[in-house]
Every structure is written in structure tokens, then in C-alpha cells.
C-alpha atoms as a PDB file:
ATOM      1  CA  MET A   1     -15.259  -7.552   0.228  1.00  0.00           C
ATOM      2  CA  SER A   2     -14.534  -3.868   0.375  1.00  0.00           C
ATOM      3  CA  ARG A   3     -12.933  -3.695   3.803  1.00  0.00           C
ATOM      4  CA  TRP A   4     -10.361  -1.811   5.917  1.00  0.00           C
ATOM      5  CA  PHE A   5      -7.127  -2.872   5.011  1.00  0.00           C
ATOM      6  CA  VAL A   6      -5.324  -1.319   5.640  1.00  0.00           C
ATOM      7  CA  LEU A   7      -5.616   0.927   6.636  1.00  0.00           C
ATOM      8  CA  GLY A   8      -8.024  -1.085   3.755  1.00  0.00           C
ATOM      9  CA  LEU A   9      -6.149   0.626   5.975  1.00  0.00           C
ATOM     10  CA  PRO A  10      -4.158  -2.536   0.716  1.00  0.00           C
ATOM     11  CA  ALA A  11      -2.397  -0.777   3.637  1.00  0.00           C
ATOM     12  CA  SER A  12      -4.798   1.849   1.573  1.00  0.00           C
ATOM     13  CA  LEU A  13      -8.641   5.240   4.125  1.00  0.00           C
ATOM     14  CA  ALA A  14      -6.459   5.073   6.363  1.00  0.00           C
ATOM     15  CA  LEU A  15      -7.227   7.095   7.850  1.00  0.00           C
ATOM     16  CA  ALA A  16      -4.420   6.906  10.444  1.00  0.00           C
ATOM     17  CA  SER A  17      -3.831   4.313  13.127  1.00  0.00           C
ATOM     18  CA  VAL A  18      -1.147   3.915  15.751  1.00  0.00           C
ATOM     19  CA  VAL A  19       0.236   0.815  14.081  1.00  0.00           C
ATOM     20  CA  GLY A  20      -0.591   0.484  10.415  1.00  0.00           C
ATOM     21  CA  CYS A  21      -3.152   2.297   8.376  1.00  0.00           C
ATOM     22  CA  TYR A  22      -4.523   1.753   4.931  1.00  0.00           C
ATOM     23  CA  LEU A  23      -7.428   3.010   2.970  1.00  0.00           C
ATOM     24  CA  GLY A  24      -7.610   0.131   0.534  1.00  0.00           C
ATOM     25  CA  GLY A  25      -9.990  -2.240  -1.143  1.00  0.00           C
ATOM     26  CA  ASP A  26     -11.334  -0.419  -4.146  1.00  0.00           C
ATOM     27  CA  PRO A  27     -14.502  -2.334  -5.066  1.00  0.00           C
ATOM     28  CA  GLY A  28     -14.394  -0.890  -8.572  1.00  0.00           C
ATOM     29  CA  THR A  29     -11.123  -2.519  -9.545  1.00  0.00           C
ATOM     30  CA  VAL A  30      -9.383  -5.832  -9.326  1.00  0.00           C
ATOM     31  CA  ASP A  31      -6.099  -5.666  -7.450  1.00  0.00           C
ATOM     32  CA  SER A  32      -2.789  -7.050  -8.677  1.00  0.00           C
ATOM     33  CA  GLY A  33      -3.947 -10.547  -7.763  1.00  0.00           C
ATOM     34  CA  ALA A  34      -6.487 -10.417 -10.562  1.00  0.00           C
ATOM     35  CA  SER A  35      -3.931 -10.169 -13.361  1.00  0.00           C
ATOM     36  CA  THR A  36      -3.656 -12.796 -16.044  1.00  0.00           C
ATOM     37  CA  GLN A  37      -0.604 -14.189 -14.270  1.00  0.00           C
ATOM     38  CA  SER A  38      -2.484 -14.971 -11.045  1.00  0.00           C
ATOM     39  CA  GLY A  39      -4.126 -18.160 -12.253  1.00  0.00           C
ATOM     40  CA  LEU A  40      -7.280 -17.248 -10.318  1.00  0.00           C
ATOM     41  CA  PRO A  41     -10.788 -17.025 -11.773  1.00  0.00           C
ATOM     42  CA  CYS A  42     -12.049 -13.447 -12.032  1.00  0.00           C
ATOM     43  CA  ASP A  43     -14.749 -13.855  -9.391  1.00  0.00           C
ATOM     44  CA  VAL A  44     -12.270 -15.287  -6.875  1.00  0.00           C
ATOM     45  CA  ALA A  45      -9.742 -12.546  -7.598  1.00  0.00           C
ATOM     46  CA  GLN A  46     -12.448  -9.915  -7.126  1.00  0.00           C
ATOM     47  CA  ALA A  47     -13.601 -11.502  -3.854  1.00  0.00           C
ATOM     48  CA  LEU A  48     -10.037 -11.234  -2.548  1.00  0.00           C
ATOM     49  CA  ALA A  49      -9.253  -7.784  -3.993  1.00  0.00           C
ATOM     50  CA  SER A  50      -9.592  -5.789  -0.771  1.00  0.00           C
ATOM     51  CA  CYS A  51      -7.719  -8.447   1.234  1.00  0.00           C
ATOM     52  CA  GLN A  52      -4.682  -7.968  -0.975  1.00  0.00           C
ATOM     53  CA  GLY A  53      -3.881  -4.584   0.514  1.00  0.00           C
ATOM     54  CA  CYS A  54      -2.376  -6.451   3.478  1.00  0.00           C
ATOM     55  CA  HIS A  55      -2.078  -9.924   1.961  1.00  0.00           C
ATOM     56  CA  GLY A  56      -0.197  -8.658  -1.087  1.00  0.00           C
ATOM     57  CA  SER A  57       2.853  -9.969  -2.899  1.00  0.00           C
ATOM     58  CA  SER A  58       4.892  -8.472  -0.044  1.00  0.00           C
ATOM     59  CA  PRO A  59       2.584  -9.059   2.953  1.00  0.00           C
ATOM     60  CA  ALA A  60       2.286  -6.372   5.610  1.00  0.00           C
ATOM     61  CA  VAL A  61       4.083  -6.774   8.933  1.00  0.00           C
ATOM     62  CA  GLY A  62       2.480  -9.582  10.941  1.00  0.00           C
ATOM     63  CA  VAL A  63       0.568 -10.967   7.933  1.00  0.00           C
ATOM     64  CA  PRO A  64       1.516 -14.647   7.404  1.00  0.00           C
ATOM     65  CA  PHE A  65       0.820 -15.123   3.702  1.00  0.00           C
ATOM     66  CA  SER A  66      -0.133 -13.564   0.373  1.00  0.00           C
ATOM     67  CA  LEU A  67      -3.525 -13.924  -1.297  1.00  0.00           C
ATOM     68  CA  ILE A  68      -2.467 -12.975  -4.795  1.00  0.00           C
ATOM     69  CA  THR A  69      -1.829 -16.011  -6.985  1.00  0.00           C
ATOM     70  CA  TYR A  70      -3.185 -19.490  -7.546  1.00  0.00           C
ATOM     71  CA  SER A  71      -0.081 -20.860  -5.834  1.00  0.00           C
ATOM     72  CA  ASP A  72      -0.691 -18.636  -2.795  1.00  0.00           C
ATOM     73  CA  LEU A  73      -4.245 -19.848  -2.330  1.00  0.00           C
ATOM     74  CA  THR A  74      -3.624 -23.539  -2.942  1.00  0.00           C
ATOM     75  CA  SER A  75      -0.504 -23.849  -0.789  1.00  0.00           C
ATOM     76  CA  THR A  76      -0.670 -25.404   2.665  1.00  0.00           C
ATOM     77  CA  SER A  77      -1.478 -23.056   5.516  1.00  0.00           C
ATOM     78  CA  PRO A  78       1.663 -22.262   7.549  1.00  0.00           C
ATOM     79  CA  THR A  79      -0.231 -22.955  10.784  1.00  0.00           C
ATOM     80  CA  TYR A  80      -2.834 -25.578   9.754  1.00  0.00           C
ATOM     81  CA  SER A  81      -1.143 -28.361   7.845  1.00  0.00           C
ATOM     82  CA  ASP A  82      -4.465 -30.022   6.975  1.00  0.00           C
ATOM     83  CA  GLN A  83      -5.840 -26.927   5.229  1.00  0.00           C
ATOM     84  CA  THR A  84      -4.965 -24.778   2.274  1.00  0.00           C
ATOM     85  CA  VAL A  85      -4.519 -21.041   2.568  1.00  0.00           C
ATOM     86  CA  ALA A  86      -7.841 -20.620   0.713  1.00  0.00           C
ATOM     87  CA  GLN A  87      -9.603 -22.774   3.294  1.00  0.00           C
ATOM     88  CA  ARG A  88      -8.076 -20.749   6.124  1.00  0.00           C
ATOM     89  CA  ALA A  89      -9.161 -17.523   4.416  1.00  0.00           C
ATOM     90  CA  VAL A  90     -12.753 -18.757   4.309  1.00  0.00           C
ATOM     91  CA  ALA A  91     -12.552 -19.936   7.931  1.00  0.00           C
ATOM     92  CA  ARG A  92     -11.325 -16.559   9.165  1.00  0.00           C
ATOM     93  CA  MET A  93     -13.763 -14.596   7.028  1.00  0.00           C
ATOM     94  CA  SER A  94     -16.583 -16.700   8.524  1.00  0.00           C
ATOM     95  CA  ASP A  95     -15.334 -16.620  12.137  1.00  0.00           C
ATOM     96  CA  GLY A  96     -17.589 -14.449  14.288  1.00  0.00           C
ATOM     97  CA  THR A  97     -15.109 -14.357  17.187  1.00  0.00           C
ATOM     98  CA  PHE A  98     -11.801 -13.843  15.392  1.00  0.00           C
ATOM     99  CA  PRO A  99     -12.872 -12.665  11.954  1.00  0.00           C
ATOM    100  CA  MET A 100     -10.904 -11.327   9.056  1.00  0.00           C
ATOM    101  CA  PRO A 101     -11.033  -8.408   8.621  1.00  0.00           C
ATOM    102  CA  PRO A 102     -10.739  -7.965  12.384  1.00  0.00           C
ATOM    103  CA  HIS A 103     -13.177  -6.212  14.697  1.00  0.00           C
ATOM    104  CA  PRO A 104     -14.428  -3.488  14.731  1.00  0.00           C
ATOM    105  CA  LEU A 105     -14.358  -3.558  10.930  1.00  0.00           C
ATOM    106  CA  ASP A 106     -17.345  -4.725   8.938  1.00  0.00           C
ATOM    107  CA  ALA A 107     -17.697  -8.444   8.343  1.00  0.00           C
ATOM    108  CA  SER A 108     -16.742  -9.933   4.992  1.00  0.00           C
ATOM    109  CA  ALA A 109     -19.542 -10.024   2.468  1.00  0.00           C
ATOM    110  CA  GLN A 110     -21.194 -13.438   2.463  1.00  0.00           C
ATOM    111  CA  SER A 111     -21.158 -13.391  -1.340  1.00  0.00           C
ATOM    112  CA  ASP A 112     -17.334 -13.169  -1.273  1.00  0.00           C
ATOM    113  CA  ILE A 113     -17.094 -16.045   1.198  1.00  0.00           C
ATOM    114  CA  ASP A 114     -19.463 -18.135  -0.926  1.00  0.00           C
ATOM    115  CA  THR A 115     -17.470 -17.390  -4.092  1.00  0.00           C
ATOM    116  CA  ILE A 116     -14.200 -18.596  -2.585  1.00  0.00           C
ATOM    117  CA  GLN A 117     -15.847 -21.645  -0.984  1.00  0.00           C
ATOM    118  CA  ALA A 118     -17.483 -22.631  -4.276  1.00  0.00           C
ATOM    119  CA  TRP A 119     -14.084 -22.433  -5.979  1.00  0.00           C
ATOM    120  CA  ILE A 120     -12.587 -24.686  -3.298  1.00  0.00           C
ATOM    121  CA  ASP A 121     -15.478 -27.158  -3.618  1.00  0.00           C
ATOM    122  CA  ALA A 122     -14.963 -27.254  -7.382  1.00  0.00           C
ATOM    123  CA  GLY A 123     -11.376 -28.406  -6.865  1.00  0.00           C
ATOM    124  CA  TYR A 124      -9.542 -25.078  -7.267  1.00  0.00           C
ATOM    125  CA  PRO A 125      -9.899 -24.723 -11.059  1.00  0.00           C
ATOM    126  CA  ALA A 126      -7.252 -22.409 -12.509  1.00  0.00           C
ATOM    127  CA  ALA A 127      -8.219 -19.639 -14.911  1.00  0.00           C
ATOM    128  CA  ASP A 128      -6.746 -16.633 -16.655  1.00  0.00           C
ATOM    129  CA  CYS A 129      -8.618 -13.549 -15.591  1.00  0.00           C
ATOM    130  CA  THR A 130      -8.261 -10.468 -17.747  1.00  0.00           C
ATOM    131  CA  PRO A 131      -8.939  -7.471 -15.523  1.00  0.00           C
ATOM    132  CA  PRO A 132     -10.989  -4.502 -16.678  1.00  0.00           C
ATOM    133  CA  ALA A 133      -9.231  -1.416 -17.997  1.00  0.00           C
ATOM    134  CA  GLY A 134      -7.424   0.256 -15.137  1.00  0.00           C
ATOM    135  CA  GLY A 135      -7.971  -2.827 -13.019  1.00  0.00           C
ATOM    136  CA  THR A 136      -4.423  -3.366 -11.847  1.00  0.00           C
ATOM    137  CA  ASN A 137      -3.225  -2.570  -8.360  1.00  0.00           C
ATOM    138  CA  PRO A 138      -4.229   1.109  -7.876  1.00  0.00           C
ATOM    139  CA  TYR A 139      -1.223   1.642  -5.598  1.00  0.00           C
ATOM    140  CA  ASP A 140       1.292   0.448  -8.194  1.00  0.00           C
ATOM    141  CA  THR A 141       1.717   3.887  -9.745  1.00  0.00           C
ATOM    142  CA  PRO A 142       4.590   6.381 -10.025  1.00  0.00           C
ATOM    143  CA  THR A 143       5.139   9.430  -7.826  1.00  0.00           C
ATOM    144  CA  ALA A 144       3.140  12.325  -9.259  1.00  0.00           C
ATOM    145  CA  CYS A 145       1.914  15.874  -8.735  1.00  0.00           C
ATOM    146  CA  THR A 146      -1.314  15.568 -10.683  1.00  0.00           C
ATOM    147  CA  ASN A 147      -2.902  18.919  -9.870  1.00  0.00           C
ATOM    148  CA  GLY A 148       0.248  21.001  -9.508  1.00  0.00           C
ATOM    149  CA  LYS A 149       1.912  22.534  -6.489  1.00  0.00           C
ATOM    150  CA  SER A 150      -0.103  24.451  -3.935  1.00  0.00           C
ATOM    151  CA  THR A 151       0.533  28.112  -3.234  1.00  0.00           C
ATOM    152  CA  VAL A 152       1.061  28.466   0.512  1.00  0.00           C
ATOM    153  CA  THR A 153      -1.413  30.846   2.108  1.00  0.00           C
ATOM    154  CA  TYR A 154      -0.719  30.914   5.824  1.00  0.00           C
ATOM    155  CA  GLY A 155      -3.717  30.574   8.065  1.00  0.00           C
ATOM    156  CA  SER A 156      -5.728  29.107   5.189  1.00  0.00           C
ATOM    157  CA  GLN A 157      -7.610  25.825   5.101  1.00  0.00           C
ATOM    158  CA  TYR A 158      -5.868  25.132   1.788  1.00  0.00           C
ATOM    159  CA  MET A 159      -2.298  25.219   3.140  1.00  0.00           C
ATOM    160  CA  TYR A 160       0.267  22.433   3.098  1.00  0.00           C
ATOM    161  CA  PRO A 161      -1.735  19.624   1.426  1.00  0.00           C
ATOM    162  CA  GLY A 162      -0.187  16.235   2.034  1.00  0.00           C
ATOM    163  CA  ARG A 163       1.619  17.164   5.240  1.00  0.00           C
ATOM    164  CA  ALA A 164       0.766  15.925   8.728  1.00  0.00           C
ATOM    165  CA  CYS A 165      -1.698  18.646   9.716  1.00  0.00           C
ATOM    166  CA  ILE A 166      -2.172  17.934  13.422  1.00  0.00           C
ATOM    167  CA  ASP A 167       1.541  17.526  14.055  1.00  0.00           C
ATOM    168  CA  CYS A 168       2.233  20.849  12.333  1.00  0.00           C
ATOM    169  CA  HIS A 169      -0.550  22.638  14.204  1.00  0.00           C
ATOM    170  CA  THR A 170       0.702  21.279  17.522  1.00  0.00           C
ATOM    171  CA  LYS A 171       4.284  22.369  16.929  1.00  0.00           C
ATOM    172  CA  ASN A 172       3.342  25.784  15.559  1.00  0.00           C
ATOM    173  CA  PHE A 173       0.431  26.619  17.860  1.00  0.00           C
ATOM    174  CA  GLY A 174      -2.139  26.373  15.102  1.00  0.00           C
ATOM    175  CA  PRO A 175      -5.854  25.749  15.643  1.00  0.00           C
ATOM    176  CA  PHE A 176      -6.678  22.532  17.499  1.00  0.00           C
ATOM    177  CA  LEU A 177      -7.738  19.689  15.199  1.00  0.00           C
ATOM    178  CA  THR A 178      -8.921  16.167  15.970  1.00  0.00           C
ATOM    179  CA  VAL A 179      -8.960  14.789  12.409  1.00  0.00           C
ATOM    180  CA  ALA A 180      -7.221  16.114   9.306  1.00  0.00           C
ATOM    181  CA  GLY A 181      -5.805  14.871   6.021  1.00  0.00           C
ATOM    182  CA  THR A 182      -5.748  15.232   2.244  1.00  0.00           C
ATOM    183  CA  VAL A 183      -7.592  13.255  -0.438  1.00  0.00           C
ATOM    184  CA  TYR A 184      -5.634  12.617  -3.655  1.00  0.00           C
ATOM    185  CA  PRO A 185      -6.392  11.259  -7.145  1.00  0.00           C
ATOM    186  CA  THR A 186      -3.401   8.873  -7.142  1.00  0.00           C
ATOM    187  CA  ALA A 187      -1.480   6.947  -4.510  1.00  0.00           C
ATOM    188  CA  HIS A 188       1.934   8.637  -4.463  1.00  0.00           C
ATOM    189  CA  GLU A 189       1.413  12.380  -4.693  1.00  0.00           C
ATOM    190  CA  GLN A 190       4.202  14.643  -3.416  1.00  0.00           C
ATOM    191  CA  ASP A 191       3.875  16.940  -0.405  1.00  0.00           C
ATOM    192  CA  MET A 192       2.491  20.372  -1.254  1.00  0.00           C
ATOM    193  CA  CYS A 193       0.719  19.045  -4.329  1.00  0.00           C
ATOM    194  CA  LYS A 194      -2.948  19.951  -4.434  1.00  0.00           C
ATOM    195  CA  GLY A 195      -5.315  17.102  -3.732  1.00  0.00           C
ATOM    196  CA  SER A 196      -8.588  16.215  -5.426  1.00  0.00           C
ATOM    197  CA  ASN A 197     -11.085  19.045  -5.858  1.00  0.00           C
ATOM    198  CA  VAL A 198     -14.090  16.820  -5.160  1.00  0.00           C
ATOM    199  CA  THR A 199     -16.155  18.454  -2.450  1.00  0.00           C
ATOM    200  CA  THR A 200     -18.852  15.814  -2.998  1.00  0.00           C
ATOM    201  CA  ALA A 201     -16.564  13.094  -1.646  1.00  0.00           C
ATOM    202  CA  SER A 202     -17.328  12.064   1.944  1.00  0.00           C
ATOM    203  CA  ILE A 203     -14.971  10.921   4.678  1.00  0.00           C
ATOM    204  CA  VAL A 204     -17.161   9.056   7.169  1.00  0.00           C
ATOM    205  CA  ILE A 205     -15.727   8.409  10.639  1.00  0.00           C
ATOM    206  CA  THR A 206     -17.617   6.199  13.088  1.00  0.00           C
ATOM    207  CA  ASP A 207     -16.332   6.232  16.655  1.00  0.00           C
ATOM    208  CA  LYS A 208     -16.475   3.592  19.377  1.00  0.00           C
ATOM    209  CA  ASN A 209     -19.842   4.950  20.539  1.00  0.00           C
ATOM    210  CA  ASN A 210     -21.227   4.551  17.008  1.00  0.00           C
ATOM    211  CA  ALA A 211     -21.338   8.337  16.588  1.00  0.00           C
ATOM    212  CA  SER A 212     -20.726   9.320  12.964  1.00  0.00           C
ATOM    213  CA  LEU A 213     -18.805  12.317  11.641  1.00  0.00           C
ATOM    214  CA  THR A 214     -18.859  13.134   7.920  1.00  0.00           C
ATOM    215  CA  LEU A 215     -16.253  15.464   6.400  1.00  0.00           C
ATOM    216  CA  HIS A 216     -15.766  16.743   2.850  1.00  0.00           C
ATOM    217  CA  PRO A 217     -12.473  17.741   1.187  1.00  0.00           C
ATOM    218  CA  ASN A 218     -12.078  21.316   0.035  1.00  0.00           C
ATOM    219  CA  SER A 219     -10.713  22.393  -3.341  1.00  0.00           C
ATOM    220  CA  ALA A 220      -7.155  21.545  -2.216  1.00  0.00           C
ATOM    221  CA  GLY A 221      -8.260  18.073  -1.109  1.00  0.00           C
ATOM    222  CA  ASN A 222      -7.850  18.976   2.580  1.00  0.00           C
ATOM    223  CA  PHE A 223     -10.390  17.934   5.211  1.00  0.00           C
ATOM    224  CA  PHE A 224     -10.341  18.580   8.940  1.00  0.00           C
ATOM    225  CA  SER A 225     -12.453  18.766  12.075  1.00  0.00           C
ATOM    226  CA  GLN A 226     -12.328  19.928  15.683  1.00  0.00           C
ATOM    227  CA  THR A 227     -15.067  17.511  16.720  1.00  0.00           C
ATOM    228  CA  THR A 228     -14.069  15.030  19.411  1.00  0.00           C
ATOM    229  CA  VAL A 229     -13.941  11.468  18.064  1.00  0.00           C
ATOM    230  CA  ALA A 230     -13.920   8.648  20.610  1.00  0.00           C
ATOM    231  CA  ALA A 231     -11.209   6.142  19.666  1.00  0.00           C
ATOM    232  CA  PRO A 232     -10.980   3.561  18.309  1.00  0.00           C
ATOM    233  CA  TYR A 233     -12.951   4.309  15.171  1.00  0.00           C
ATOM    234  CA  THR A 234     -13.448   3.250  11.580  1.00  0.00           C
ATOM    235  CA  VAL A 235     -13.144   5.403   8.478  1.00  0.00           C
ATOM    236  CA  LYS A 236     -14.358   5.154   4.902  1.00  0.00           C
ATOM    237  CA  LEU A 237     -14.100   7.387   1.841  1.00  0.00           C
ATOM    238  CA  ILE A 238     -17.140   7.512  -0.447  1.00  0.00           C
ATOM    239  CA  TYR A 239     -17.253   9.052  -3.912  1.00  0.00           C
ATOM    240  CA  GLN A 240     -19.724   8.581  -6.767  1.00  0.00           C
ATOM    241  CA  GLY A 241     -21.143   5.431  -5.216  1.00  0.00           C
ATOM    242  CA  ARG A 242     -17.716   3.843  -4.724  1.00  0.00           C
ATOM    243  CA  GLU A 243     -16.134   3.237  -1.347  1.00  0.00           C
ATOM    244  CA  ARG A 244     -12.620   2.811  -0.007  1.00  0.00           C
ATOM    245  CA  ASP A 245     -12.360   1.544   3.554  1.00  0.00           C
ATOM    246  CA  MET A 246      -9.544   1.714   6.072  1.00  0.00           C
ATOM    247  CA  THR A 247      -7.844  -1.383   7.368  1.00  0.00           C
ATOM    248  CA  GLY A 248      -6.125  -1.414  10.751  1.00  0.00           C
ATOM    249  CA  LEU A 249      -3.228  -3.875  10.552  1.00  0.00           C
ATOM    250  CA  VAL A 250      -2.786  -4.370  14.299  1.00  0.00           C
ATOM    251  CA  THR A 251      -4.997  -1.926  16.183  1.00  0.00           C
ATOM    252  CA  SER A 252      -8.057   0.113  15.366  1.00  0.00           C
ATOM    253  CA  PRO A 253      -7.300   3.694  14.371  1.00  0.00           C
ATOM    254  CA  THR A 254      -6.882   6.140  17.233  1.00  0.00           C
ATOM    255  CA  ASN A 255      -4.848   8.935  15.630  1.00  0.00           C
ATOM    256  CA  GLY A 256      -6.655  11.425  13.411  1.00  0.00           C
ATOM    257  CA  ASP A 257      -3.478  12.879  11.832  1.00  0.00           C
ATOM    258  CA  CYS A 258      -4.138  11.015   8.612  1.00  0.00           C
ATOM    259  CA  ASN A 259      -1.227  12.318   6.537  1.00  0.00           C
ATOM    260  CA  SER A 260       1.252  11.111   9.167  1.00  0.00           C
ATOM    261  CA  CYS A 261       0.702   7.616   7.750  1.00  0.00           C
ATOM    262  CA  HIS A 262      -0.573   8.524   4.298  1.00  0.00           C
ATOM    263  CA  THR A 263       2.630  10.058   2.989  1.00  0.00           C
ATOM    264  CA  ALA A 264       3.743   9.928  -0.635  1.00  0.00           C
ATOM    265  CA  ASP A 265       5.491   6.600  -0.022  1.00  0.00           C
ATOM    266  CA  GLY A 266       3.302   5.438   2.857  1.00  0.00           C
ATOM    267  CA  ALA A 267       4.295   4.937   6.490  1.00  0.00           C
ATOM    268  CA  SER A 268       3.279   2.641   9.362  1.00  0.00           C
ATOM    269  CA  GLY A 269       1.694   0.165   6.958  1.00  0.00           C
ATOM    270  CA  ALA A 270      -0.141   2.637   4.717  1.00  0.00           C
ATOM    271  CA  PRO A 271       0.556   2.069   1.003  1.00  0.00           C
ATOM    272  CA  GLY A 272       0.516   5.733   0.081  1.00  0.00           C
ATOM    273  CA  ARG A 273      -1.935   8.610   0.002  1.00  0.00           C
ATOM    274  CA  ILE A 274      -5.626   8.669   0.880  1.00  0.00           C
ATOM    275  CA  MET A 275      -6.879   7.976  -2.620  1.00  0.00           C
ATOM    276  CA  LEU A 276     -10.284   8.393  -4.201  1.00  0.00           C
ATOM    277  CA  PRO A 277     -12.031   5.076  -4.837  1.00  0.00           C
END
């Protein structure tokens, strides 16, 4: 269930949205809900991993409950007293009209829905899941400057990694941009720290007309475009066969100034930087 939490936003690709953005849901790891303390079987924890960007231990604004521990999933729904939270999760994931994740994001994988439903049907058996190495919450990391500070070269495409590019260009009469941001190796990189030098990574933006725009970060991790993108749109970050998708918490993304949400600490619902999956 690698989905926008956000904004995916997790939440993380964000990239940016007016209210809440998160590029989250790393399909290669199990989020904090998959720890040995969760009480959830590994397959259930993995099926819920991308949901936990928003439905984490401290749920995002407007999110009614966590989907982290056995207790979370087996408790009574706050709005449906005859159902558990797990049952409501399956109902929303299966709802074609009011799904979770919400439109226009991709539907939940049927395999994830089936996994959670099978666990419910089996009577909610508890289990201790030992996550794979590095399988804890990828956003639960310290502030870092992994690749060192950037040397400012004015007028360069490598300048000011981590800062809100479009806002800066607007205020300082720089070139017009419609989408811009920085891709980082970890979640809480400082401003002016160089991003990931992975030019093979792809930022894929699909607009409301289903037109697709693919961007690649440069050696400073920066990416940008002057191409018009019809809002709202969806965004995903792809690298080495892995994918991190953006989750819009309240609205679909309409603002391409990605680093305005994806700051070192995260803003407007984003959990931190745009991070490689």
C-alpha cells in the first residue's frame, strides 16, 4: 500500500500541497508500527506501513486515529461503535466513493486489503514482528548534513538546496519556476546541505489532465521545471525500483514549491525532507 501520505504526502513526496504534504510510504521498509512492540503480524504491519505516515503514533491534523499498534487496530472506531478501527480501515480502503487514501490518489492495493481482512477474520491474532534491518520509521532520524554544506554559486542550478526555491525566485526576481525542490538521503537535512547526487532518480508529476512530467535531481539534489502543471496533481519519487508517493492530508497538491513544506523539521503536515525511497 505504497500511497500518498502524506504528503505519503507519513506526512512524507510531498511534493507540496496547500494543506499538508508528505512523501511517505516506503514500500521497502516497515514503519514504526511494525516494531516488536506493535503486537501486529508482519504482513499486517507491512500492509499498513504507508498509512502510518498520517495515522502514526501522533496522527496528523484531522486524522481520527493511529494505525500503529495491536491496541490501535482492535479498539472500537470513534465513529462506528459496532466496528473496530481495523474494520473501518478495510471499509475505507475498499470504498470506491470515499476511499482511503483519498482521490485522486491511487487506490489501496487489493493484496493489502485482503491481508488486513484475513487477519480480522482470523480473530485478530497478536504476533511479534521483527522488522528487517533498517526497517524502523525512516522519518525517526536525527538532524543531519550527510553530504556537507553547499557552496553558494549565484545563478546556478545547484544553489540553496533545501530552501523554498519558488518563493526565493519570486522575491528576488529569479527565473520563473512551476515546480522545484531538493531530494535528500535522510529526513531531516539542514538547509544549504547538499542533497542526494542520484540523477537516475525520477520525480513523476501527473496533473489533473493526466499529463505527466518527469524530473531528475542534479548533483546537489535539486530539481526544477518551468513547465505548466495543471493542479491538482499527484507526485511520486522513484529510485532503483522503489517508490515513495505523496499523500495530501486535506487537499490535492497545488503548490509546486516543494521545500516550503519539506523543511528540515517538516511543515504543513510534511514529516521532513523529500527523501529517497
